[in-house]
Amino acid sequence: MKIDLSEIAGRPGADAAHDFEEPLARDPDVELVEPARGSFTVTNTGLLLVLRGSMTAEVRLLCARCLEPLTVKLEMPLSEEFSARTGPEAAEEKTMDVEEAAGAAFHENILDLTELVRQNIIVSLPLRPLCRDDCPGICPRCGARLGAGLCACPPEEPQGPLANLGKLIETGE
């Protein structure tokens, strides 16, 4: 969804509120369970268009330990700033939004909401999503999910230079 902010960009002090529901196209980084929803207000400060709001999204991820699919609900604030200047002087000016990835979401007073939502979701994803806090993961030898019970692998024999010492302690010698 693209939103034209030309009217606000030309009037310092103006603001506009928007609600959105944004389904993302197939993206290798993000799989949404349902469309992202939120609301925001854009305010023209004279030099900048300041976007403030919040959004929620449910994404499908894989557990970092057992690789089971899980759904994570994300609640995140929206906070972006874009240059309110237009014309040749704006092209010469190096601002944060031109140099950073957020600049891809705003070009010639058109806000690409799809790109803004995608970027915010990616930044908000957990680094190590877990299906549950005590997830035991998978067996390193056979790959069985340990959450369903123990695998059929025999217990590992201790290895290393002190392995025989452990056997002596067990026998009591």
N, C-alpha and C. Protein backbone atom coordinates (compact mmCIF):
# COMPACT_ATOMS: atom_id res chain seq x y z
N MET A 1 0.85 -1.16 0.00
CA MET A 1 0.00 0.00 0.00
C MET A 1 0.90 1.23 0.00
N LYS A 2 0.58 2.16 -0.86
CA LYS A 2 1.34 3.40 -0.94
C LYS A 2 0.45 4.55 -0.52
N ILE A 3 1.02 5.45 0.28
CA ILE A 3 0.28 6.60 0.80
C ILE A 3 0.97 7.87 0.32
N ASP A 4 0.19 8.75 -0.31
CA ASP A 4 0.71 10.02 -0.81
C ASP A 4 0.70 11.03 0.33
N LEU A 5 1.89 11.53 0.70
CA LEU A 5 2.02 12.50 1.77
C LEU A 5 2.36 13.89 1.25
N SER A 6 2.08 14.17 -0.03
CA SER A 6 2.41 15.46 -0.63
C SER A 6 1.70 16.61 0.07
N GLU A 7 0.43 16.41 0.43
CA GLU A 7 -0.33 17.48 1.08
C GLU A 7 0.29 17.87 2.43
N ILE A 8 0.73 16.89 3.19
CA ILE A 8 1.35 17.16 4.48
C ILE A 8 2.75 17.74 4.30
N ALA A 9 3.49 17.23 3.30
CA ALA A 9 4.87 17.68 3.08
C ALA A 9 4.92 19.16 2.74
N GLY A 10 3.89 19.68 2.14
CA GLY A 10 3.88 21.09 1.75
C GLY A 10 3.36 22.03 2.82
N ARG A 11 2.94 21.51 3.97
CA ARG A 11 2.36 22.36 5.01
C ARG A 11 2.99 22.08 6.37
N PRO A 12 3.97 22.88 6.79
CA PRO A 12 4.54 22.69 8.13
C PRO A 12 3.47 22.80 9.21
N GLY A 13 3.52 21.91 10.18
CA GLY A 13 2.54 21.86 11.25
C GLY A 13 1.37 20.94 10.97
N ALA A 14 1.21 20.50 9.73
CA ALA A 14 0.10 19.62 9.37
C ALA A 14 0.38 18.20 9.84
N ASP A 15 -0.68 17.47 10.11
CA ASP A 15 -0.52 16.06 10.45
C ASP A 15 -1.70 15.27 9.90
N ALA A 16 -1.51 13.97 9.80
CA ALA A 16 -2.56 13.08 9.29
C ALA A 16 -2.42 11.73 9.98
N ALA A 17 -3.56 11.14 10.33
CA ALA A 17 -3.58 9.83 10.97
C ALA A 17 -4.02 8.78 9.96
N HIS A 18 -3.45 7.60 10.07
CA HIS A 18 -3.77 6.49 9.17
C HIS A 18 -3.83 5.19 9.96
N ASP A 19 -4.79 4.34 9.63
CA ASP A 19 -4.86 2.96 10.11
C ASP A 19 -4.53 2.08 8.91
N PHE A 20 -3.94 0.92 9.18
CA PHE A 20 -3.61 0.05 8.05
C PHE A 20 -3.73 -1.41 8.42
N GLU A 21 -3.91 -2.20 7.38
CA GLU A 21 -3.86 -3.66 7.44
C GLU A 21 -3.06 -4.05 6.21
N GLU A 22 -1.86 -4.56 6.41
CA GLU A 22 -0.94 -4.78 5.31
C GLU A 22 -0.53 -6.25 5.21
N PRO A 23 -1.02 -6.96 4.18
CA PRO A 23 -0.53 -8.32 3.94
C PRO A 23 0.77 -8.22 3.13
N LEU A 24 1.80 -8.90 3.55
CA LEU A 24 3.05 -8.86 2.81
C LEU A 24 3.05 -9.91 1.72
N ALA A 25 3.65 -9.56 0.60
CA ALA A 25 3.83 -10.55 -0.47
C ALA A 25 4.82 -11.61 0.03
N ARG A 26 4.92 -12.70 -0.70
CA ARG A 26 5.87 -13.75 -0.29
C ARG A 26 7.24 -13.15 -0.11
N ASP A 27 7.80 -13.37 1.06
CA ASP A 27 9.10 -12.81 1.41
C ASP A 27 9.92 -13.93 2.04
N PRO A 28 11.16 -14.14 1.61
CA PRO A 28 11.96 -15.23 2.19
C PRO A 28 12.32 -14.98 3.65
N ASP A 29 12.27 -13.72 4.10
CA ASP A 29 12.66 -13.40 5.47
C ASP A 29 11.49 -13.45 6.46
N VAL A 30 10.26 -13.27 5.98
CA VAL A 30 9.11 -13.13 6.87
C VAL A 30 7.93 -13.92 6.31
N GLU A 31 7.29 -14.74 7.16
CA GLU A 31 6.05 -15.39 6.79
C GLU A 31 4.98 -14.97 7.79
N LEU A 32 4.08 -14.11 7.33
CA LEU A 32 3.01 -13.62 8.19
C LEU A 32 1.89 -14.64 8.28
N VAL A 33 1.34 -14.82 9.48
CA VAL A 33 0.19 -15.69 9.68
C VAL A 33 -1.07 -14.97 9.24
N GLU A 34 -1.14 -13.67 9.53
CA GLU A 34 -2.25 -12.81 9.12
C GLU A 34 -1.67 -11.43 8.82
N PRO A 35 -2.41 -10.56 8.16
CA PRO A 35 -1.85 -9.24 7.81
C PRO A 35 -1.43 -8.44 9.05
N ALA A 36 -0.38 -7.64 8.88
CA ALA A 36 0.06 -6.74 9.94
C ALA A 36 -0.96 -5.61 10.07
N ARG A 37 -1.23 -5.21 11.31
CA ARG A 37 -2.22 -4.16 11.57
C ARG A 37 -1.60 -3.09 12.45
N GLY A 38 -2.04 -1.86 12.25
CA GLY A 38 -1.55 -0.79 13.10
C GLY A 38 -2.11 0.55 12.73
N SER A 39 -1.60 1.56 13.39
CA SER A 39 -2.00 2.93 13.10
C SER A 39 -0.80 3.84 13.34
N PHE A 40 -0.80 4.97 12.66
CA PHE A 40 0.29 5.93 12.82
C PHE A 40 -0.20 7.33 12.48
N THR A 41 0.57 8.31 12.93
CA THR A 41 0.33 9.71 12.62
C THR A 41 1.60 10.26 12.00
N VAL A 42 1.44 11.02 10.93
CA VAL A 42 2.57 11.69 10.28
C VAL A 42 2.41 13.17 10.54
N THR A 43 3.48 13.79 11.07
CA THR A 43 3.47 15.22 11.39
C THR A 43 4.60 15.90 10.64
N ASN A 44 4.31 17.04 10.03
CA ASN A 44 5.32 17.84 9.34
C ASN A 44 5.88 18.85 10.33
N THR A 45 7.18 18.73 10.65
CA THR A 45 7.82 19.66 11.58
C THR A 45 8.45 20.84 10.87
N GLY A 46 8.38 20.87 9.56
CA GLY A 46 9.03 21.90 8.77
C GLY A 46 10.18 21.32 7.99
N LEU A 47 11.07 20.63 8.68
CA LEU A 47 12.20 19.98 8.01
C LEU A 47 11.98 18.48 7.82
N LEU A 48 11.20 17.89 8.71
CA LEU A 48 11.01 16.44 8.68
C LEU A 48 9.54 16.08 8.70
N LEU A 49 9.24 14.93 8.12
CA LEU A 49 7.95 14.28 8.30
C LEU A 49 8.20 13.20 9.36
N VAL A 50 7.56 13.34 10.50
CA VAL A 50 7.78 12.43 11.62
C VAL A 50 6.61 11.47 11.70
N LEU A 51 6.90 10.18 11.60
CA LEU A 51 5.89 9.14 11.66
C LEU A 51 6.00 8.44 13.01
N ARG A 52 4.89 8.40 13.76
CA ARG A 52 4.86 7.73 15.05
C ARG A 52 3.59 6.89 15.13
N GLY A 53 3.72 5.68 15.64
CA GLY A 53 2.57 4.81 15.77
C GLY A 53 2.96 3.47 16.33
N SER A 54 2.12 2.47 16.09
CA SER A 54 2.41 1.11 16.55
C SER A 54 1.76 0.12 15.59
N MET A 55 2.24 -1.12 15.65
CA MET A 55 1.67 -2.17 14.82
C MET A 55 1.85 -3.52 15.49
N THR A 56 1.04 -4.48 15.07
CA THR A 56 1.14 -5.86 15.53
C THR A 56 1.19 -6.78 14.32
N ALA A 57 1.86 -7.90 14.50
CA ALA A 57 1.95 -8.89 13.43
C ALA A 57 2.20 -10.26 14.06
N GLU A 58 1.67 -11.30 13.43
CA GLU A 58 1.96 -12.67 13.84
C GLU A 58 2.78 -13.31 12.74
N VAL A 59 3.94 -13.83 13.11
CA VAL A 59 4.84 -14.44 12.12
C VAL A 59 5.08 -15.90 12.47
N ARG A 60 5.33 -16.68 11.44
CA ARG A 60 5.64 -18.10 11.61
C ARG A 60 7.16 -18.25 11.53
N LEU A 61 7.73 -18.88 12.56
CA LEU A 61 9.17 -19.10 12.64
C LEU A 61 9.44 -20.56 12.98
N LEU A 62 10.71 -20.92 13.03
CA LEU A 62 11.12 -22.25 13.46
C LEU A 62 11.86 -22.12 14.79
N CYS A 63 11.60 -23.05 15.70
CA CYS A 63 12.28 -23.06 16.99
C CYS A 63 13.78 -23.22 16.75
N ALA A 64 14.58 -22.45 17.44
CA ALA A 64 16.03 -22.49 17.25
C ALA A 64 16.66 -23.78 17.78
N ARG A 65 15.95 -24.52 18.63
CA ARG A 65 16.51 -25.75 19.19
C ARG A 65 15.98 -27.02 18.53
N CYS A 66 14.67 -27.10 18.30
CA CYS A 66 14.09 -28.36 17.79
C CYS A 66 13.54 -28.23 16.37
N LEU A 67 13.55 -27.05 15.80
CA LEU A 67 13.09 -26.78 14.44
C LEU A 67 11.60 -27.01 14.22
N GLU A 68 10.82 -27.02 15.30
CA GLU A 68 9.37 -27.10 15.19
C GLU A 68 8.83 -25.73 14.79
N PRO A 69 7.81 -25.68 13.92
CA PRO A 69 7.22 -24.38 13.59
C PRO A 69 6.49 -23.79 14.79
N LEU A 70 6.55 -22.49 14.92
CA LEU A 70 5.84 -21.80 15.98
C LEU A 70 5.37 -20.44 15.49
N THR A 71 4.38 -19.89 16.16
CA THR A 71 3.85 -18.58 15.82
C THR A 71 4.22 -17.60 16.92
N VAL A 72 4.75 -16.45 16.52
CA VAL A 72 5.17 -15.43 17.46
C VAL A 72 4.38 -14.16 17.16
N LYS A 73 3.78 -13.57 18.20
CA LYS A 73 3.06 -12.31 18.04
C LYS A 73 4.02 -11.18 18.38
N LEU A 74 4.18 -10.26 17.44
CA LEU A 74 5.07 -9.11 17.61
C LEU A 74 4.24 -7.85 17.82
N GLU A 75 4.59 -7.07 18.79
CA GLU A 75 4.00 -5.75 19.00
C GLU A 75 5.16 -4.77 18.98
N MET A 76 5.10 -3.81 18.06
CA MET A 76 6.25 -2.93 17.91
C MET A 76 5.82 -1.50 17.65
N PRO A 77 6.64 -0.56 18.13
CA PRO A 77 6.36 0.84 17.82
C PRO A 77 6.84 1.18 16.42
N LEU A 78 6.21 2.12 15.80
CA LEU A 78 6.67 2.65 14.52
C LEU A 78 7.23 4.04 14.79
N SER A 79 8.43 4.29 14.33
CA SER A 79 9.06 5.58 14.54
C SER A 79 10.03 5.83 13.39
N GLU A 80 9.67 6.71 12.49
CA GLU A 80 10.51 7.03 11.33
C GLU A 80 10.51 8.53 11.10
N GLU A 81 11.56 9.02 10.49
CA GLU A 81 11.65 10.42 10.11
C GLU A 81 12.13 10.50 8.66
N PHE A 82 11.46 11.34 7.88
CA PHE A 82 11.81 11.52 6.48
C PHE A 82 11.93 13.01 6.21
N SER A 83 12.75 13.37 5.26
CA SER A 83 12.92 14.78 4.89
C SER A 83 11.63 15.30 4.27
N ALA A 84 11.19 16.49 4.73
CA ALA A 84 9.98 17.11 4.19
C ALA A 84 10.28 17.98 2.99
N ARG A 85 11.53 18.17 2.68
CA ARG A 85 11.91 19.03 1.56
C ARG A 85 11.76 18.30 0.25
N THR A 86 11.34 19.03 -0.76
CA THR A 86 11.22 18.49 -2.11
C THR A 86 11.98 19.38 -3.06
N GLY A 87 12.20 18.91 -4.26
CA GLY A 87 12.87 19.72 -5.27
C GLY A 87 14.37 19.46 -5.31
N PRO A 88 15.11 20.31 -6.06
CA PRO A 88 16.53 20.08 -6.27
C PRO A 88 17.36 20.19 -5.00
N GLU A 89 16.97 21.07 -4.05
CA GLU A 89 17.76 21.22 -2.83
C GLU A 89 17.69 19.96 -1.96
N ALA A 90 16.58 19.23 -2.04
CA ALA A 90 16.44 17.99 -1.27
C ALA A 90 17.34 16.90 -1.83
N ALA A 91 17.55 16.89 -3.13
CA ALA A 91 18.40 15.86 -3.75
C ALA A 91 19.86 16.05 -3.35
N GLU A 92 20.27 17.30 -3.14
CA GLU A 92 21.66 17.57 -2.76
C GLU A 92 21.90 17.30 -1.28
N GLU A 93 20.86 17.46 -0.46
CA GLU A 93 20.98 17.30 0.99
C GLU A 93 21.12 15.83 1.35
N LYS A 94 22.11 15.50 2.16
CA LYS A 94 22.29 14.13 2.64
C LYS A 94 21.65 14.02 4.02
N THR A 95 20.54 13.33 4.08
CA THR A 95 19.86 13.14 5.36
C THR A 95 19.93 11.68 5.75
N MET A 96 19.56 11.39 6.99
CA MET A 96 19.61 10.02 7.49
C MET A 96 18.75 9.08 6.66
N ASP A 97 17.55 9.52 6.26
CA ASP A 97 16.65 8.62 5.54
C ASP A 97 17.15 8.28 4.15
N VAL A 98 17.98 9.13 3.55
CA VAL A 98 18.53 8.83 2.23
C VAL A 98 19.63 7.79 2.35
N GLU A 99 20.40 7.86 3.43
CA GLU A 99 21.55 6.98 3.59
C GLU A 99 21.18 5.64 4.21
N GLU A 100 20.07 5.58 4.93
CA GLU A 100 19.68 4.34 5.60
C GLU A 100 18.59 3.61 4.83
N ALA A 101 18.30 2.40 5.28
CA ALA A 101 17.31 1.56 4.59
C ALA A 101 15.91 2.16 4.66
N ALA A 102 15.63 2.99 5.66
CA ALA A 102 14.29 3.59 5.77
C ALA A 102 13.99 4.47 4.57
N GLY A 103 15.01 5.00 3.92
CA GLY A 103 14.81 5.83 2.74
C GLY A 103 14.15 5.07 1.61
N ALA A 104 14.28 3.75 1.58
CA ALA A 104 13.65 2.95 0.52
C ALA A 104 12.13 2.95 0.67
N ALA A 105 11.63 3.24 1.86
CA ALA A 105 10.19 3.23 2.10
C ALA A 105 9.54 4.57 1.75
N PHE A 106 10.32 5.63 1.55
CA PHE A 106 9.77 6.96 1.30
C PHE A 106 10.55 7.61 0.16
N HIS A 107 9.83 7.91 -0.92
CA HIS A 107 10.47 8.51 -2.08
C HIS A 107 9.47 9.44 -2.76
N GLU A 108 9.88 10.68 -3.00
CA GLU A 108 9.04 11.69 -3.66
C GLU A 108 7.67 11.81 -3.00
N ASN A 109 7.67 11.92 -1.68
CA ASN A 109 6.48 12.11 -0.85
C ASN A 109 5.49 10.95 -0.91
N ILE A 110 5.92 9.79 -1.37
CA ILE A 110 5.09 8.58 -1.37
C ILE A 110 5.68 7.62 -0.34
N LEU A 111 4.86 7.24 0.64
CA LEU A 111 5.28 6.30 1.66
C LEU A 111 4.86 4.91 1.23
N ASP A 112 5.84 4.03 1.05
CA ASP A 112 5.57 2.63 0.70
C ASP A 112 5.40 1.87 2.01
N LEU A 113 4.17 1.69 2.41
CA LEU A 113 3.85 1.08 3.68
C LEU A 113 4.31 -0.38 3.74
N THR A 114 4.28 -1.07 2.61
CA THR A 114 4.71 -2.47 2.57
C THR A 114 6.16 -2.58 3.00
N GLU A 115 7.02 -1.73 2.47
CA GLU A 115 8.44 -1.77 2.81
C GLU A 115 8.67 -1.36 4.26
N LEU A 116 7.96 -0.36 4.73
CA LEU A 116 8.10 0.09 6.12
C LEU A 116 7.70 -1.03 7.09
N VAL A 117 6.59 -1.71 6.82
CA VAL A 117 6.13 -2.81 7.66
C VAL A 117 7.13 -3.96 7.62
N ARG A 118 7.58 -4.32 6.44
CA ARG A 118 8.55 -5.43 6.30
C ARG A 118 9.81 -5.16 7.10
N GLN A 119 10.36 -3.95 6.98
CA GLN A 119 11.59 -3.61 7.70
C GLN A 119 11.39 -3.66 9.21
N ASN A 120 10.27 -3.15 9.69
CA ASN A 120 10.02 -3.14 11.13
C ASN A 120 9.82 -4.55 11.67
N ILE A 121 9.18 -5.42 10.91
CA ILE A 121 9.00 -6.81 11.35
C ILE A 121 10.34 -7.52 11.43
N ILE A 122 11.16 -7.37 10.41
CA ILE A 122 12.46 -8.04 10.39
C ILE A 122 13.32 -7.60 11.57
N VAL A 123 13.31 -6.32 11.88
CA VAL A 123 14.11 -5.81 13.00
C VAL A 123 13.57 -6.33 14.34
N SER A 124 12.28 -6.61 14.42
CA SER A 124 11.65 -7.03 15.67
C SER A 124 11.66 -8.55 15.89
N LEU A 125 12.10 -9.32 14.91
CA LEU A 125 12.10 -10.78 15.06
C LEU A 125 13.04 -11.20 16.19
N PRO A 126 12.66 -12.19 16.99
CA PRO A 126 13.56 -12.67 18.05
C PRO A 126 14.78 -13.35 17.43
N LEU A 127 15.93 -13.18 18.08
CA LEU A 127 17.16 -13.78 17.56
C LEU A 127 17.15 -15.30 17.67
N ARG A 128 16.63 -15.83 18.77
CA ARG A 128 16.54 -17.27 18.96
C ARG A 128 15.12 -17.63 19.40
N PRO A 129 14.21 -17.76 18.44
CA PRO A 129 12.84 -18.11 18.83
C PRO A 129 12.78 -19.53 19.37
N LEU A 130 12.03 -19.70 20.47
CA LEU A 130 11.90 -21.01 21.10
C LEU A 130 10.42 -21.37 21.20
N CYS A 131 10.12 -22.66 20.96
CA CYS A 131 8.74 -23.12 21.10
C CYS A 131 8.31 -23.08 22.56
N ARG A 132 9.25 -23.31 23.47
CA ARG A 132 9.04 -23.14 24.91
C ARG A 132 10.41 -22.93 25.56
N ASP A 133 10.43 -22.33 26.73
CA ASP A 133 11.70 -21.98 27.37
C ASP A 133 12.57 -23.19 27.68
N ASP A 134 11.97 -24.32 28.02
CA ASP A 134 12.74 -25.50 28.38
C ASP A 134 12.86 -26.51 27.23
N CYS A 135 12.78 -26.05 26.00
CA CYS A 135 12.87 -26.94 24.84
C CYS A 135 14.22 -27.67 24.86
N PRO A 136 14.21 -29.02 24.86
CA PRO A 136 15.48 -29.75 24.91
C PRO A 136 16.20 -29.85 23.56
N GLY A 137 15.54 -29.49 22.46
CA GLY A 137 16.20 -29.52 21.16
C GLY A 137 16.14 -30.86 20.48
N ILE A 138 17.19 -31.17 19.71
CA ILE A 138 17.26 -32.44 18.98
C ILE A 138 18.52 -33.20 19.37
N CYS A 139 18.50 -34.49 19.15
CA CYS A 139 19.67 -35.33 19.43
C CYS A 139 20.76 -34.98 18.42
N PRO A 140 21.97 -34.72 18.87
CA PRO A 140 23.04 -34.35 17.93
C PRO A 140 23.50 -35.50 17.04
N ARG A 141 23.14 -36.74 17.41
CA ARG A 141 23.57 -37.88 16.60
C ARG A 141 22.51 -38.34 15.59
N CYS A 142 21.27 -38.50 16.04
CA CYS A 142 20.25 -39.04 15.14
C CYS A 142 19.24 -37.99 14.66
N GLY A 143 19.20 -36.83 15.31
CA GLY A 143 18.31 -35.76 14.88
C GLY A 143 16.89 -35.88 15.40
N ALA A 144 16.62 -36.83 16.30
CA ALA A 144 15.28 -36.99 16.86
C ALA A 144 14.96 -35.81 17.77
N ARG A 145 13.71 -35.40 17.78
CA ARG A 145 13.27 -34.31 18.67
C ARG A 145 13.18 -34.84 20.09
N LEU A 146 13.95 -34.26 20.98
CA LEU A 146 13.99 -34.75 22.36
C LEU A 146 12.77 -34.33 23.17
N GLY A 147 11.99 -33.39 22.68
CA GLY A 147 10.77 -32.98 23.36
C GLY A 147 9.72 -34.09 23.36
N ALA A 148 9.80 -35.00 22.39
CA ALA A 148 8.85 -36.11 22.30
C ALA A 148 9.30 -37.30 23.14
N GLY A 149 10.46 -37.24 23.76
CA GLY A 149 11.00 -38.33 24.56
C GLY A 149 12.44 -38.58 24.18
N LEU A 150 13.06 -39.53 24.86
CA LEU A 150 14.46 -39.84 24.56
C LEU A 150 14.56 -40.58 23.24
N CYS A 151 15.68 -40.38 22.56
CA CYS A 151 15.90 -41.09 21.30
C CYS A 151 16.47 -42.48 21.59
N ALA A 152 16.67 -43.27 20.55
CA ALA A 152 17.15 -44.65 20.70
C ALA A 152 18.67 -44.75 20.72
N CYS A 153 19.37 -43.62 20.69
CA CYS A 153 20.83 -43.65 20.69
C CYS A 153 21.36 -44.11 22.05
N PRO A 154 22.42 -44.94 22.06
CA PRO A 154 23.02 -45.33 23.34
C PRO A 154 23.71 -44.12 23.97
N PRO A 155 23.85 -44.12 25.28
CA PRO A 155 24.51 -42.99 25.93
C PRO A 155 25.95 -42.85 25.41
N GLU A 156 26.39 -41.63 25.34
CA GLU A 156 27.75 -41.36 24.84
C GLU A 156 28.77 -41.80 25.86
N GLU A 157 29.82 -42.40 25.36
CA GLU A 157 30.95 -42.76 26.20
C GLU A 157 31.80 -41.51 26.42
N PRO A 158 32.21 -41.25 27.65
CA PRO A 158 33.07 -40.09 27.88
C PRO A 158 34.37 -40.24 27.09
N GLN A 159 34.83 -39.11 26.56
CA GLN A 159 36.06 -39.12 25.78
C GLN A 159 37.02 -38.09 26.36
N GLY A 160 38.25 -38.22 26.01
CA GLY A 160 39.25 -37.26 26.45
C GLY A 160 40.28 -37.93 27.35
N PRO A 161 41.26 -37.14 27.76
CA PRO A 161 42.35 -37.72 28.54
C PRO A 161 41.93 -38.17 29.94
N LEU A 162 40.84 -37.66 30.49
CA LEU A 162 40.43 -38.04 31.84
C LEU A 162 39.25 -39.01 31.85
N ALA A 163 38.88 -39.54 30.70
CA ALA A 163 37.74 -40.46 30.62
C ALA A 163 37.95 -41.70 31.48
N ASN A 164 39.16 -42.25 31.48
CA ASN A 164 39.44 -43.45 32.28
C ASN A 164 39.40 -43.14 33.76
N LEU A 165 39.74 -41.93 34.16
CA LEU A 165 39.69 -41.53 35.55
C LEU A 165 38.24 -41.59 36.07
N GLY A 166 37.29 -41.20 35.23
CA GLY A 166 35.88 -41.28 35.60
C GLY A 166 35.45 -42.70 35.86
N LYS A 167 35.96 -43.64 35.07
CA LYS A 167 35.61 -45.05 35.26
C LYS A 167 36.18 -45.56 36.59
N LEU A 168 37.38 -45.11 36.96
CA LEU A 168 37.99 -45.51 38.23
C LEU A 168 37.17 -45.00 39.41
N ILE A 169 36.66 -43.77 39.29
CA ILE A 169 35.87 -43.19 40.37
C ILE A 169 34.57 -43.96 40.53
N GLU A 170 33.95 -44.36 39.43
CA GLU A 170 32.69 -45.12 39.49
C GLU A 170 32.88 -46.48 40.16
N THR A 171 33.99 -47.13 39.88
CA THR A 171 34.21 -48.48 40.45
C THR A 171 34.75 -48.39 41.87
N GLY A 172 35.22 -47.22 42.29
CA GLY A 172 35.69 -47.05 43.66
C GLY A 172 37.10 -47.53 43.87
N GLU A 173 37.88 -47.68 42.86
CA GLU A 173 39.25 -48.18 43.03
C GLU A 173 40.19 -47.06 43.37
